[in-house]
Amino acid sequence: QVQLVESGGGLVQPGGSLRLSCAASGNIHSNYIMGWYRQAPGKQREFVASITGSGVISSADFVEGRFTISRDNAKNTMYLQMNSLKPEDTAVYLCNAEYTCYSHWGQGTQVTVSS
């Protein structure tokens, strides 16, 4: 089993920054692809960005260079640095870890962008 715990969410003004963390424990290893998803109220969950153990990154178009995903395999932790936040970035941000047929999710951390 793999456990994922997100942290770092909160309330921030438009244009502000937040850094999310996802700490993984259990049977996690660097072959897992780790990623961030988000879900706003009344909307479907959407992909934000992912990173492989070797550092290959994929990201959604709306990231537009504002978000940076990174990963520390030694600490089993993934990060999402979010800059230039917009009100439409408001959502619960969830951490995901996938390997072959295994997919694990965290509980999520709330990000609210509002003045």
PDB file of N, CA and C in Angstrom:
ATOM      1  N   GLN A   1       0.834  -1.202   0.000  1.00  0.00           N
ATOM      2  CA  GLN A   1       0.000   0.000   0.000  1.00  0.00           C
ATOM      3  C   GLN A   1       0.863   1.245   0.000  1.00  0.00           C
ATOM      4  N   VAL A   2       0.304   2.296  -0.584  1.00  0.00           N
ATOM      5  CA  VAL A   2       0.974   3.591  -0.628  1.00  0.00           C
ATOM      6  C   VAL A   2       0.045   4.613   0.005  1.00  0.00           C
ATOM      7  N   GLN A   3       0.595   5.426   0.876  1.00  0.00           N
ATOM      8  CA  GLN A   3      -0.168   6.508   1.489  1.00  0.00           C
ATOM      9  C   GLN A   3       0.398   7.837   0.988  1.00  0.00           C
ATOM     10  N   LEU A   4      -0.504   8.738   0.667  1.00  0.00           N
ATOM     11  CA  LEU A   4      -0.120  10.058   0.164  1.00  0.00           C
ATOM     12  C   LEU A   4      -0.783  11.123   1.029  1.00  0.00           C
ATOM     13  N   VAL A   5       0.006  12.083   1.472  1.00  0.00           N
ATOM     14  CA  VAL A   5      -0.521  13.155   2.309  1.00  0.00           C
ATOM     15  C   VAL A   5      -0.093  14.496   1.723  1.00  0.00           C
ATOM     16  N   GLU A   6      -1.080  15.288   1.338  1.00  0.00           N
ATOM     17  CA  GLU A   6      -0.810  16.612   0.784  1.00  0.00           C
ATOM     18  C   GLU A   6      -0.796  17.660   1.891  1.00  0.00           C
ATOM     19  N   SER A   7      -0.052  18.717   1.646  1.00  0.00           N
ATOM     20  CA  SER A   7      -0.027  19.849   2.561  1.00  0.00           C
ATOM     21  C   SER A   7       0.351  21.095   1.781  1.00  0.00           C
ATOM     22  N   GLY A   8       0.160  22.248   2.416  1.00  0.00           N
ATOM     23  CA  GLY A   8       0.596  23.494   1.807  1.00  0.00           C
ATOM     24  C   GLY A   8      -0.505  24.349   1.204  1.00  0.00           C
ATOM     25  N   GLY A   9      -1.722  23.850   1.211  1.00  0.00           N
ATOM     26  CA  GLY A   9      -2.809  24.647   0.663  1.00  0.00           C
ATOM     27  C   GLY A   9      -3.176  25.792   1.584  1.00  0.00           C
ATOM     28  N   GLY A  10      -4.077  26.647   1.113  1.00  0.00           N
ATOM     29  CA  GLY A  10      -4.514  27.762   1.939  1.00  0.00           C
ATOM     30  C   GLY A  10      -5.180  28.829   1.112  1.00  0.00           C
ATOM     31  N   LEU A  11      -5.371  29.971   1.739  1.00  0.00           N
ATOM     32  CA  LEU A  11      -5.986  31.120   1.083  1.00  0.00           C
ATOM     33  C   LEU A  11      -4.892  32.084   0.641  1.00  0.00           C
ATOM     34  N   VAL A  12      -4.941  32.495  -0.605  1.00  0.00           N
ATOM     35  CA  VAL A  12      -3.935  33.399  -1.142  1.00  0.00           C
ATOM     36  C   VAL A  12      -4.622  34.402  -2.056  1.00  0.00           C
ATOM     37  N   GLN A  13      -4.085  35.591  -2.144  1.00  0.00           N
ATOM     38  CA  GLN A  13      -4.640  36.611  -3.027  1.00  0.00           C
ATOM     39  C   GLN A  13      -4.231  36.339  -4.471  1.00  0.00           C
ATOM     40  N   PRO A  14      -5.015  36.826  -5.423  1.00  0.00           N
ATOM     41  CA  PRO A  14      -4.623  36.692  -6.835  1.00  0.00           C
ATOM     42  C   PRO A  14      -3.229  37.258  -7.056  1.00  0.00           C
ATOM     43  N   GLY A  15      -2.450  36.528  -7.830  1.00  0.00           N
ATOM     44  CA  GLY A  15      -1.065  36.893  -8.079  1.00  0.00           C
ATOM     45  C   GLY A  15      -0.089  36.314  -7.075  1.00  0.00           C
ATOM     46  N   GLY A  16      -0.610  35.715  -6.018  1.00  0.00           N
ATOM     47  CA  GLY A  16       0.242  35.147  -4.980  1.00  0.00           C
ATOM     48  C   GLY A  16       0.780  33.781  -5.331  1.00  0.00           C
ATOM     49  N   SER A  17       1.490  33.200  -4.372  1.00  0.00           N
ATOM     50  CA  SER A  17       2.138  31.905  -4.586  1.00  0.00           C
ATOM     51  C   SER A  17       1.852  30.957  -3.439  1.00  0.00           C
ATOM     52  N   LEU A  18       1.871  29.682  -3.756  1.00  0.00           N
ATOM     53  CA  LEU A  18       1.787  28.624  -2.762  1.00  0.00           C
ATOM     54  C   LEU A  18       2.685  27.476  -3.211  1.00  0.00           C
ATOM     55  N   ARG A  19       3.172  26.728  -2.243  1.00  0.00           N
ATOM     56  CA  ARG A  19       3.942  25.529  -2.547  1.00  0.00           C
ATOM     57  C   ARG A  19       3.256  24.344  -1.880  1.00  0.00           C
ATOM     58  N   LEU A  20       2.784  23.431  -2.697  1.00  0.00           N
ATOM     59  CA  LEU A  20       2.147  22.220  -2.198  1.00  0.00           C
ATOM     60  C   LEU A  20       3.174  21.105  -2.082  1.00  0.00           C
ATOM     61  N   SER A  21       2.968  20.257  -1.093  1.00  0.00           N
ATOM     62  CA  SER A  21       3.817  19.083  -0.918  1.00  0.00           C
ATOM     63  C   SER A  21       2.953  17.834  -0.866  1.00  0.00           C
ATOM     64  N   CYS A  22       3.512  16.732  -1.340  1.00  0.00           N
ATOM     65  CA  CYS A  22       2.852  15.436  -1.248  1.00  0.00           C
ATOM     66  C   CYS A  22       3.880  14.454  -0.701  1.00  0.00           C
ATOM     67  N   ALA A  23       3.662  14.021   0.526  1.00  0.00           N
ATOM     68  CA  ALA A  23       4.566  13.068   1.159  1.00  0.00           C
ATOM     69  C   ALA A  23       4.024  11.661   0.968  1.00  0.00           C
ATOM     70  N   ALA A  24       4.852  10.793   0.419  1.00  0.00           N
ATOM     71  CA  ALA A  24       4.450   9.415   0.160  1.00  0.00           C
ATOM     72  C   ALA A  24       5.117   8.474   1.149  1.00  0.00           C
ATOM     73  N   SER A  25       4.397   7.463   1.555  1.00  0.00           N
ATOM     74  CA  SER A  25       4.948   6.448   2.443  1.00  0.00           C
ATOM     75  C   SER A  25       4.390   5.093   2.042  1.00  0.00           C
ATOM     76  N   GLY A  26       4.972   4.057   2.626  1.00  0.00           N
ATOM     77  CA  GLY A  26       4.541   2.709   2.285  1.00  0.00           C
ATOM     78  C   GLY A  26       5.394   2.149   1.167  1.00  0.00           C
ATOM     79  N   ASN A  27       4.786   1.394   0.280  1.00  0.00           N
ATOM     80  CA  ASN A  27       5.496   0.700  -0.774  1.00  0.00           C
ATOM     81  C   ASN A  27       5.685   1.601  -2.000  1.00  0.00           C
ATOM     82  N   ILE A  28       6.262   2.782  -1.774  1.00  0.00           N
ATOM     83  CA  ILE A  28       6.491   3.726  -2.867  1.00  0.00           C
ATOM     84  C   ILE A  28       7.916   3.560  -3.356  1.00  0.00           C
ATOM     85  N   HIS A  29       8.111   3.730  -4.653  1.00  0.00           N
ATOM     86  CA  HIS A  29       9.454   3.692  -5.221  1.00  0.00           C
ATOM     87  C   HIS A  29       9.510   4.629  -6.404  1.00  0.00           C
ATOM     88  N   SER A  30      10.685   4.834  -6.935  1.00  0.00           N
ATOM     89  CA  SER A  30      10.887   5.854  -7.968  1.00  0.00           C
ATOM     90  C   SER A  30      10.246   5.494  -9.302  1.00  0.00           C
ATOM     91  N   ASN A  31       9.796   4.254  -9.477  1.00  0.00           N
ATOM     92  CA  ASN A  31       9.119   3.890 -10.721  1.00  0.00           C
ATOM     93  C   ASN A  31       7.690   4.425 -10.794  1.00  0.00           C
ATOM     94  N   TYR A  32       7.187   4.887  -9.660  1.00  0.00           N
ATOM     95  CA  TYR A  32       5.853   5.487  -9.664  1.00  0.00           C
ATOM     96  C   TYR A  32       5.899   6.820 -10.402  1.00  0.00           C
ATOM     97  N   ILE A  33       4.919   7.052 -11.250  1.00  0.00           N
ATOM     98  CA  ILE A  33       4.693   8.381 -11.809  1.00  0.00           C
ATOM     99  C   ILE A  33       3.827   9.118 -10.789  1.00  0.00           C
ATOM    100  N   MET A  34       4.271  10.279 -10.381  1.00  0.00           N
ATOM    101  CA  MET A  34       3.512  11.063  -9.412  1.00  0.00           C
ATOM    102  C   MET A  34       2.950  12.307 -10.088  1.00  0.00           C
ATOM    103  N   GLY A  35       1.767  12.666  -9.668  1.00  0.00           N
ATOM    104  CA  GLY A  35       1.131  13.793 -10.330  1.00  0.00           C
ATOM    105  C   GLY A  35       0.201  14.564  -9.425  1.00  0.00           C
ATOM    106  N   TRP A  36      -0.153  15.736  -9.898  1.00  0.00           N
ATOM    107  CA  TRP A  36      -1.131  16.590  -9.228  1.00  0.00           C
ATOM    108  C   TRP A  36      -2.378  16.706 -10.109  1.00  0.00           C
ATOM    109  N   TYR A  37      -3.512  16.611  -9.462  1.00  0.00           N
ATOM    110  CA  TYR A  37      -4.795  16.848 -10.089  1.00  0.00           C
ATOM    111  C   TYR A  37      -5.529  17.878  -9.235  1.00  0.00           C
ATOM    112  N   ARG A  38      -6.588  18.449  -9.808  1.00  0.00           N
ATOM    113  CA  ARG A  38      -7.386  19.362  -9.014  1.00  0.00           C
ATOM    114  C   ARG A  38      -8.864  19.196  -9.349  1.00  0.00           C
ATOM    115  N   GLN A  39      -9.677  19.551  -8.372  1.00  0.00           N
ATOM    116  CA  GLN A  39     -11.118  19.467  -8.577  1.00  0.00           C
ATOM    117  C   GLN A  39     -11.781  20.670  -7.927  1.00  0.00           C
ATOM    118  N   ALA A  40     -12.421  21.469  -8.769  1.00  0.00           N
ATOM    119  CA  ALA A  40     -13.164  22.623  -8.291  1.00  0.00           C
ATOM    120  C   ALA A  40     -14.609  22.210  -8.036  1.00  0.00           C
ATOM    121  N   PRO A  41     -15.315  22.954  -7.190  1.00  0.00           N
ATOM    122  CA  PRO A  41     -16.716  22.609  -6.901  1.00  0.00           C
ATOM    123  C   PRO A  41     -17.544  22.544  -8.176  1.00  0.00           C
ATOM    124  N   GLY A  42     -18.274  21.447  -8.333  1.00  0.00           N
ATOM    125  CA  GLY A  42     -19.143  21.284  -9.485  1.00  0.00           C
ATOM    126  C   GLY A  42     -18.440  20.949 -10.779  1.00  0.00           C
ATOM    127  N   LYS A  43     -17.142  20.709 -10.717  1.00  0.00           N
ATOM    128  CA  LYS A  43     -16.381  20.399 -11.927  1.00  0.00           C
ATOM    129  C   LYS A  43     -15.714  19.046 -11.798  1.00  0.00           C
ATOM    130  N   GLN A  44     -15.328  18.500 -12.942  1.00  0.00           N
ATOM    131  CA  GLN A  44     -14.634  17.224 -12.931  1.00  0.00           C
ATOM    132  C   GLN A  44     -13.181  17.407 -12.513  1.00  0.00           C
ATOM    133  N   ARG A  45     -12.641  16.342 -11.981  1.00  0.00           N
ATOM    134  CA  ARG A  45     -11.225  16.362 -11.632  1.00  0.00           C
ATOM    135  C   ARG A  45     -10.409  16.535 -12.900  1.00  0.00           C
ATOM    136  N   GLU A  46      -9.375  17.373 -12.833  1.00  0.00           N
ATOM    137  CA  GLU A  46      -8.547  17.597 -14.014  1.00  0.00           C
ATOM    138  C   GLU A  46      -7.067  17.463 -13.679  1.00  0.00           C
ATOM    139  N   PHE A  47      -6.339  17.050 -14.681  1.00  0.00           N
ATOM    140  CA  PHE A  47      -4.891  16.859 -14.575  1.00  0.00           C
ATOM    141  C   PHE A  47      -4.195  18.214 -14.503  1.00  0.00           C
ATOM    142  N   VAL A  48      -3.200  18.301 -13.621  1.00  0.00           N
ATOM    143  CA  VAL A  48      -2.394  19.517 -13.531  1.00  0.00           C
ATOM    144  C   VAL A  48      -1.002  19.272 -14.088  1.00  0.00           C
ATOM    145  N   ALA A  49      -0.291  18.321 -13.494  1.00  0.00           N
ATOM    146  CA  ALA A  49       1.066  18.023 -13.922  1.00  0.00           C
ATOM    147  C   ALA A  49       1.495  16.685 -13.342  1.00  0.00           C
ATOM    148  N   SER A  50       2.481  16.054 -13.984  1.00  0.00           N
ATOM    149  CA  SER A  50       3.029  14.807 -13.473  1.00  0.00           C
ATOM    150  C   SER A  50       4.527  14.781 -13.693  1.00  0.00           C
ATOM    151  N   ILE A  51       5.183  13.894 -12.951  1.00  0.00           N
ATOM    152  CA  ILE A  51       6.635  13.775 -13.061  1.00  0.00           C
ATOM    153  C   ILE A  51       7.020  12.327 -12.819  1.00  0.00           C
ATOM    154  N   THR A  52       7.893  11.805 -13.671  1.00  0.00           N
ATOM    155  CA  THR A  52       8.380  10.448 -13.492  1.00  0.00           C
ATOM    156  C   THR A  52       9.545  10.442 -12.505  1.00  0.00           C
ATOM    157  N   GLY A  53       9.971   9.262 -12.127  1.00  0.00           N
ATOM    158  CA  GLY A  53      11.092   9.152 -11.208  1.00  0.00           C
ATOM    159  C   GLY A  53      12.388   9.711 -11.774  1.00  0.00           C
ATOM    160  N   SER A  54      12.484   9.733 -13.100  1.00  0.00           N
ATOM    161  CA  SER A  54      13.686  10.274 -13.740  1.00  0.00           C
ATOM    162  C   SER A  54      13.533  11.746 -14.090  1.00  0.00           C
ATOM    163  N   GLY A  55      12.373  12.330 -13.742  1.00  0.00           N
ATOM    164  CA  GLY A  55      12.221  13.769 -13.909  1.00  0.00           C
ATOM    165  C   GLY A  55      11.539  14.226 -15.181  1.00  0.00           C
ATOM    166  N   VAL A  56      10.934  13.313 -15.923  1.00  0.00           N
ATOM    167  CA  VAL A  56      10.199  13.717 -17.125  1.00  0.00           C
ATOM    168  C   VAL A  56       8.854  14.307 -16.694  1.00  0.00           C
ATOM    169  N   ILE A  57       8.560  15.495 -17.190  1.00  0.00           N
ATOM    170  CA  ILE A  57       7.394  16.261 -16.734  1.00  0.00           C
ATOM    171  C   ILE A  57       6.365  16.407 -17.847  1.00  0.00           C
ATOM    172  N   SER A  58       5.123  16.268 -17.465  1.00  0.00           N
ATOM    173  CA  SER A  58       3.998  16.614 -18.329  1.00  0.00           C
ATOM    174  C   SER A  58       3.128  17.595 -17.564  1.00  0.00           C
ATOM    175  N   SER A  59       2.498  18.517 -18.273  1.00  0.00           N
ATOM    176  CA  SER A  59       1.653  19.481 -17.580  1.00  0.00           C
ATOM    177  C   SER A  59       0.511  19.934 -18.475  1.00  0.00           C
ATOM    178  N   ALA A  60      -0.547  20.386 -17.844  1.00  0.00           N
ATOM    179  CA  ALA A  60      -1.711  20.880 -18.571  1.00  0.00           C
ATOM    180  C   ALA A  60      -1.418  22.249 -19.165  1.00  0.00           C
ATOM    181  N   ASP A  61      -2.153  22.568 -20.214  1.00  0.00           N
ATOM    182  CA  ASP A  61      -1.931  23.855 -20.888  1.00  0.00           C
ATOM    183  C   ASP A  61      -2.146  25.043 -19.948  1.00  0.00           C
ATOM    184  N   PHE A  62      -3.099  24.914 -19.042  1.00  0.00           N
ATOM    185  CA  PHE A  62      -3.426  26.064 -18.201  1.00  0.00           C
ATOM    186  C   PHE A  62      -2.306  26.396 -17.208  1.00  0.00           C
ATOM    187  N   VAL A  63      -1.361  25.490 -17.040  1.00  0.00           N
ATOM    188  CA  VAL A  63      -0.221  25.771 -16.154  1.00  0.00           C
ATOM    189  C   VAL A  63       0.549  26.982 -16.667  1.00  0.00           C
ATOM    190  N   GLU A  64       0.704  27.055 -18.000  1.00  0.00           N
ATOM    191  CA  GLU A  64       1.260  28.251 -18.668  1.00  0.00           C
ATOM    192  C   GLU A  64       2.572  28.728 -18.048  1.00  0.00           C
ATOM    193  N   GLY A  65       3.373  27.815 -17.542  1.00  0.00           N
ATOM    194  CA  GLY A  65       4.633  28.221 -16.941  1.00  0.00           C
ATOM    195  C   GLY A  65       4.492  28.796 -15.544  1.00  0.00           C
ATOM    196  N   ARG A  66       3.283  28.829 -14.999  1.00  0.00           N
ATOM    197  CA  ARG A  66       3.081  29.379 -13.666  1.00  0.00           C
ATOM    198  C   ARG A  66       3.378  28.365 -12.575  1.00  0.00           C
ATOM    199  N   PHE A  67       3.170  27.095 -12.871  1.00  0.00           N
ATOM    200  CA  PHE A  67       3.351  26.038 -11.872  1.00  0.00           C
ATOM    201  C   PHE A  67       4.602  25.230 -12.215  1.00  0.00           C
ATOM    202  N   THR A  68       5.313  24.798 -11.191  1.00  0.00           N
ATOM    203  CA  THR A  68       6.478  23.956 -11.380  1.00  0.00           C
ATOM    204  C   THR A  68       6.365  22.724 -10.501  1.00  0.00           C
ATOM    205  N   ILE A  69       6.422  21.568 -11.130  1.00  0.00           N
ATOM    206  CA  ILE A  69       6.371  20.312 -10.379  1.00  0.00           C
ATOM    207  C   ILE A  69       7.788  19.804 -10.178  1.00  0.00           C
ATOM    208  N   SER A  70       8.035  19.239  -9.017  1.00  0.00           N
ATOM    209  CA  SER A  70       9.350  18.661  -8.737  1.00  0.00           C
ATOM    210  C   SER A  70       9.180  17.486  -7.783  1.00  0.00           C
ATOM    211  N   ARG A  71      10.264  16.765  -7.610  1.00  0.00           N
ATOM    212  CA  ARG A  71      10.168  15.518  -6.843  1.00  0.00           C
ATOM    213  C   ARG A  71      11.516  15.233  -6.199  1.00  0.00           C
ATOM    214  N   ASP A  72      11.474  14.789  -4.970  1.00  0.00           N
ATOM    215  CA  ASP A  72      12.675  14.376  -4.260  1.00  0.00           C
ATOM    216  C   ASP A  72      12.514  12.897  -3.932  1.00  0.00           C
ATOM    217  N   ASN A  73      13.119  12.039  -4.728  1.00  0.00           N
ATOM    218  CA  ASN A  73      12.947  10.596  -4.545  1.00  0.00           C
ATOM    219  C   ASN A  73      13.511  10.115  -3.205  1.00  0.00           C
ATOM    220  N   ALA A  74      14.560  10.760  -2.748  1.00  0.00           N
ATOM    221  CA  ALA A  74      15.160  10.356  -1.468  1.00  0.00           C
ATOM    222  C   ALA A  74      14.194  10.604  -0.311  1.00  0.00           C
ATOM    223  N   LYS A  75      13.385  11.648  -0.437  1.00  0.00           N
ATOM    224  CA  LYS A  75      12.427  11.985   0.619  1.00  0.00           C
ATOM    225  C   LYS A  75      11.020  11.474   0.307  1.00  0.00           C
ATOM    226  N   ASN A  76      10.852  10.822  -0.850  1.00  0.00           N
ATOM    227  CA  ASN A  76       9.529  10.358  -1.263  1.00  0.00           C
ATOM    228  C   ASN A  76       8.508  11.488  -1.217  1.00  0.00           C
ATOM    229  N   THR A  77       8.896  12.630  -1.708  1.00  0.00           N
ATOM    230  CA  THR A  77       8.043  13.815  -1.647  1.00  0.00           C
ATOM    231  C   THR A  77       8.009  14.499  -3.004  1.00  0.00           C
ATOM    232  N   MET A  78       6.820  14.953  -3.363  1.00  0.00           N
ATOM    233  CA  MET A  78       6.619  15.701  -4.598  1.00  0.00           C
ATOM    234  C   MET A  78       6.118  17.093  -4.231  1.00  0.00           C
ATOM    235  N   TYR A  79       6.442  18.056  -5.072  1.00  0.00           N
ATOM    236  CA  TYR A  79       6.074  19.433  -4.799  1.00  0.00           C
ATOM    237  C   TYR A  79       5.370  20.045  -6.005  1.00  0.00           C
ATOM    238  N   LEU A  80       4.597  21.078  -5.733  1.00  0.00           N
ATOM    239  CA  LEU A  80       4.020  21.885  -6.802  1.00  0.00           C
ATOM    240  C   LEU A  80       4.155  23.345  -6.380  1.00  0.00           C
ATOM    241  N   GLN A  81       5.066  24.039  -7.018  1.00  0.00           N
ATOM    242  CA  GLN A  81       5.225  25.468  -6.767  1.00  0.00           C
ATOM    243  C   GLN A  81       4.271  26.198  -7.701  1.00  0.00           C
ATOM    244  N   MET A  82       3.366  26.952  -7.124  1.00  0.00           N
ATOM    245  CA  MET A  82       2.347  27.654  -7.902  1.00  0.00           C
ATOM    246  C   MET A  82       2.546  29.152  -7.741  1.00  0.00           C
ATOM    247  N   ASN A  83       2.785  29.824  -8.839  1.00  0.00           N
ATOM    248  CA  ASN A  83       2.971  31.271  -8.854  1.00  0.00           C
ATOM    249  C   ASN A  83       1.884  31.926  -9.700  1.00  0.00           C
ATOM    250  N   SER A  84       1.748  33.225  -9.549  1.00  0.00           N
ATOM    251  CA  SER A  84       0.766  33.981 -10.338  1.00  0.00           C
ATOM    252  C   SER A  84      -0.605  33.331 -10.280  1.00  0.00           C
ATOM    253  N   LEU A  85      -1.035  33.001  -9.094  1.00  0.00           N
ATOM    254  CA  LEU A  85      -2.301  32.287  -8.935  1.00  0.00           C
ATOM    255  C   LEU A  85      -3.485  33.159  -9.324  1.00  0.00           C
ATOM    256  N   LYS A  86      -4.482  32.493  -9.886  1.00  0.00           N
ATOM    257  CA  LYS A  86      -5.696  33.162 -10.351  1.00  0.00           C
ATOM    258  C   LYS A  86      -6.902  32.602  -9.592  1.00  0.00           C
ATOM    259  N   PRO A  87      -7.978  33.351  -9.517  1.00  0.00           N
ATOM    260  CA  PRO A  87      -9.179  32.821  -8.847  1.00  0.00           C
ATOM    261  C   PRO A  87      -9.641  31.485  -9.425  1.00  0.00           C
ATOM    262  N   GLU A  88      -9.446  31.300 -10.717  1.00  0.00           N
ATOM    263  CA  GLU A  88      -9.876  30.043 -11.335  1.00  0.00           C
ATOM    264  C   GLU A  88      -8.983  28.861 -10.963  1.00  0.00           C
ATOM    265  N   ASP A  89      -7.906  29.112 -10.240  1.00  0.00           N
ATOM    266  CA  ASP A  89      -7.076  28.015  -9.727  1.00  0.00           C
ATOM    267  C   ASP A  89      -7.639  27.447  -8.422  1.00  0.00           C
ATOM    268  N   THR A  90      -8.683  28.070  -7.915  1.00  0.00           N
ATOM    269  CA  THR A  90      -9.298  27.591  -6.680  1.00  0.00           C
ATOM    270  C   THR A  90      -9.843  26.186  -6.873  1.00  0.00           C
ATOM    271  N   ALA A  91      -9.398  25.273  -6.006  1.00  0.00           N
ATOM    272  CA  ALA A  91      -9.794  23.862  -6.125  1.00  0.00           C
ATOM    273  C   ALA A  91      -9.166  23.078  -4.983  1.00  0.00           C
ATOM    274  N   VAL A  92      -9.603  21.849  -4.847  1.00  0.00           N
ATOM    275  CA  VAL A  92      -8.888  20.887  -4.016  1.00  0.00           C
ATOM    276  C   VAL A  92      -7.819  20.255  -4.895  1.00  0.00           C
ATOM    277  N   TYR A  93      -6.595  20.289  -4.437  1.00  0.00           N
ATOM    278  CA  TYR A  93      -5.480  19.726  -5.192  1.00  0.00           C
ATOM    279  C   TYR A  93      -5.125  18.374  -4.588  1.00  0.00           C
ATOM    280  N   LEU A  94      -5.101  17.367  -5.461  1.00  0.00           N
ATOM    281  CA  LEU A  94      -4.884  15.998  -5.015  1.00  0.00           C
ATOM    282  C   LEU A  94      -3.603  15.431  -5.610  1.00  0.00           C
ATOM    283  N   CYS A  95      -2.946  14.652  -4.808  1.00  0.00           N
ATOM    284  CA  CYS A  95      -1.724  13.968  -5.207  1.00  0.00           C
ATOM    285  C   CYS A  95      -2.076  12.555  -5.682  1.00  0.00           C
ATOM    286  N   ASN A  96      -1.400  12.114  -6.740  1.00  0.00           N
ATOM    287  CA  ASN A  96      -1.626  10.784  -7.291  1.00  0.00           C
ATOM    288  C   ASN A  96      -0.297  10.102  -7.534  1.00  0.00           C
ATOM    289  N   ALA A  97      -0.271   8.799  -7.304  1.00  0.00           N
ATOM    290  CA  ALA A  97       0.908   7.991  -7.616  1.00  0.00           C
ATOM    291  C   ALA A  97       0.447   6.770  -8.396  1.00  0.00           C
ATOM    292  N   GLU A  98       1.061   6.547  -9.576  1.00  0.00           N
ATOM    293  CA  GLU A  98       0.652   5.447 -10.436  1.00  0.00           C
ATOM    294  C   GLU A  98       1.849   4.599 -10.846  1.00  0.00           C
ATOM    295  N   TYR A  99       1.614   3.275 -10.836  1.00  0.00           N
ATOM    296  CA  TYR A  99       2.625   2.335 -11.308  1.00  0.00           C
ATOM    297  C   TYR A  99       1.908   1.107 -11.815  1.00  0.00           C
ATOM    298  N   THR A 100       2.083   0.791 -13.043  1.00  0.00           N
ATOM    299  CA  THR A 100       1.367  -0.299 -13.738  1.00  0.00           C
ATOM    300  C   THR A 100      -0.119  -0.176 -13.445  1.00  0.00           C
ATOM    301  N   CYS A 101      -0.724  -1.138 -12.788  1.00  0.00           N
ATOM    302  CA  CYS A 101      -2.165  -1.117 -12.529  1.00  0.00           C
ATOM    303  C   CYS A 101      -2.515  -0.468 -11.199  1.00  0.00           C
ATOM    304  N   TYR A 102      -1.532   0.047 -10.502  1.00  0.00           N
ATOM    305  CA  TYR A 102      -1.765   0.633  -9.183  1.00  0.00           C
ATOM    306  C   TYR A 102      -1.914   2.147  -9.290  1.00  0.00           C
ATOM    307  N   SER A 103      -2.936   2.668  -8.629  1.00  0.00           N
ATOM    308  CA  SER A 103      -3.167   4.102  -8.595  1.00  0.00           C
ATOM    309  C   SER A 103      -3.610   4.488  -7.195  1.00  0.00           C
ATOM    310  N   HIS A 104      -2.899   5.428  -6.605  1.00  0.00           N
ATOM    311  CA  HIS A 104      -3.175   5.842  -5.233  1.00  0.00           C
ATOM    312  C   HIS A 104      -3.446   7.337  -5.201  1.00  0.00           C
ATOM    313  N   TRP A 105      -4.337   7.738  -4.301  1.00  0.00           N
ATOM    314  CA  TRP A 105      -4.716   9.134  -4.176  1.00  0.00           C
ATOM    315  C   TRP A 105      -4.594   9.604  -2.732  1.00  0.00           C
ATOM    316  N   GLY A 106      -4.229  10.866  -2.586  1.00  0.00           N
ATOM    317  CA  GLY A 106      -4.282  11.501  -1.288  1.00  0.00           C
ATOM    318  C   GLY A 106      -5.658  12.080  -1.051  1.00  0.00           C
ATOM    319  N   GLN A 107      -5.827  12.687   0.122  1.00  0.00           N
ATOM    320  CA  GLN A 107      -7.121  13.278   0.494  1.00  0.00           C
ATOM    321  C   GLN A 107      -7.317  14.664  -0.105  1.00  0.00           C
ATOM    322  N   GLY A 108      -6.232  15.309  -0.469  1.00  0.00           N
ATOM    323  CA  GLY A 108      -6.326  16.622  -1.083  1.00  0.00           C
ATOM    324  C   GLY A 108      -6.055  17.754  -0.117  1.00  0.00           C
ATOM    325  N   THR A 109      -5.686  18.890  -0.681  1.00  0.00           N
ATOM    326  CA  THR A 109      -5.480  20.108   0.096  1.00  0.00           C
ATOM    327  C   THR A 109      -6.173  21.252  -0.632  1.00  0.00           C
ATOM    328  N   GLN A 110      -6.890  22.069   0.122  1.00  0.00           N
ATOM    329  CA  GLN A 110      -7.683  23.139  -0.483  1.00  0.00           C
ATOM    330  C   GLN A 110      -6.810  24.342  -0.817  1.00  0.00           C
ATOM    331  N   VAL A 111      -6.963  24.828  -2.033  1.00  0.00           N
ATOM    332  CA  VAL A 111      -6.329  26.074  -2.459  1.00  0.00           C
ATOM    333  C   VAL A 111      -7.435  27.042  -2.835  1.00  0.00           C
ATOM    334  N   THR A 112      -7.430  28.184  -2.194  1.00  0.00           N
ATOM    335  CA  THR A 112      -8.427  29.208  -2.478  1.00  0.00           C
ATOM    336  C   THR A 112      -7.716  30.498  -2.855  1.00  0.00           C
ATOM    337  N   VAL A 113      -8.027  30.994  -4.046  1.00  0.00           N
ATOM    338  CA  VAL A 113      -7.422  32.231  -4.534  1.00  0.00           C
ATOM    339  C   VAL A 113      -8.510  33.290  -4.574  1.00  0.00           C
ATOM    340  N   SER A 114      -8.392  34.246  -3.679  1.00  0.00           N
ATOM    341  CA  SER A 114      -9.440  35.250  -3.551  1.00  0.00           C
ATOM    342  C   SER A 114      -8.885  36.487  -2.875  1.00  0.00           C
ATOM    343  N   SER A 115      -9.445  37.629  -3.270  1.00  0.00           N
ATOM    344  CA  SER A 115      -9.059  38.876  -2.611  1.00  0.00           C
ATOM    345  C   SER A 115     -10.017  39.191  -1.467  1.00  0.00           C
TER     346      SER A 115
END
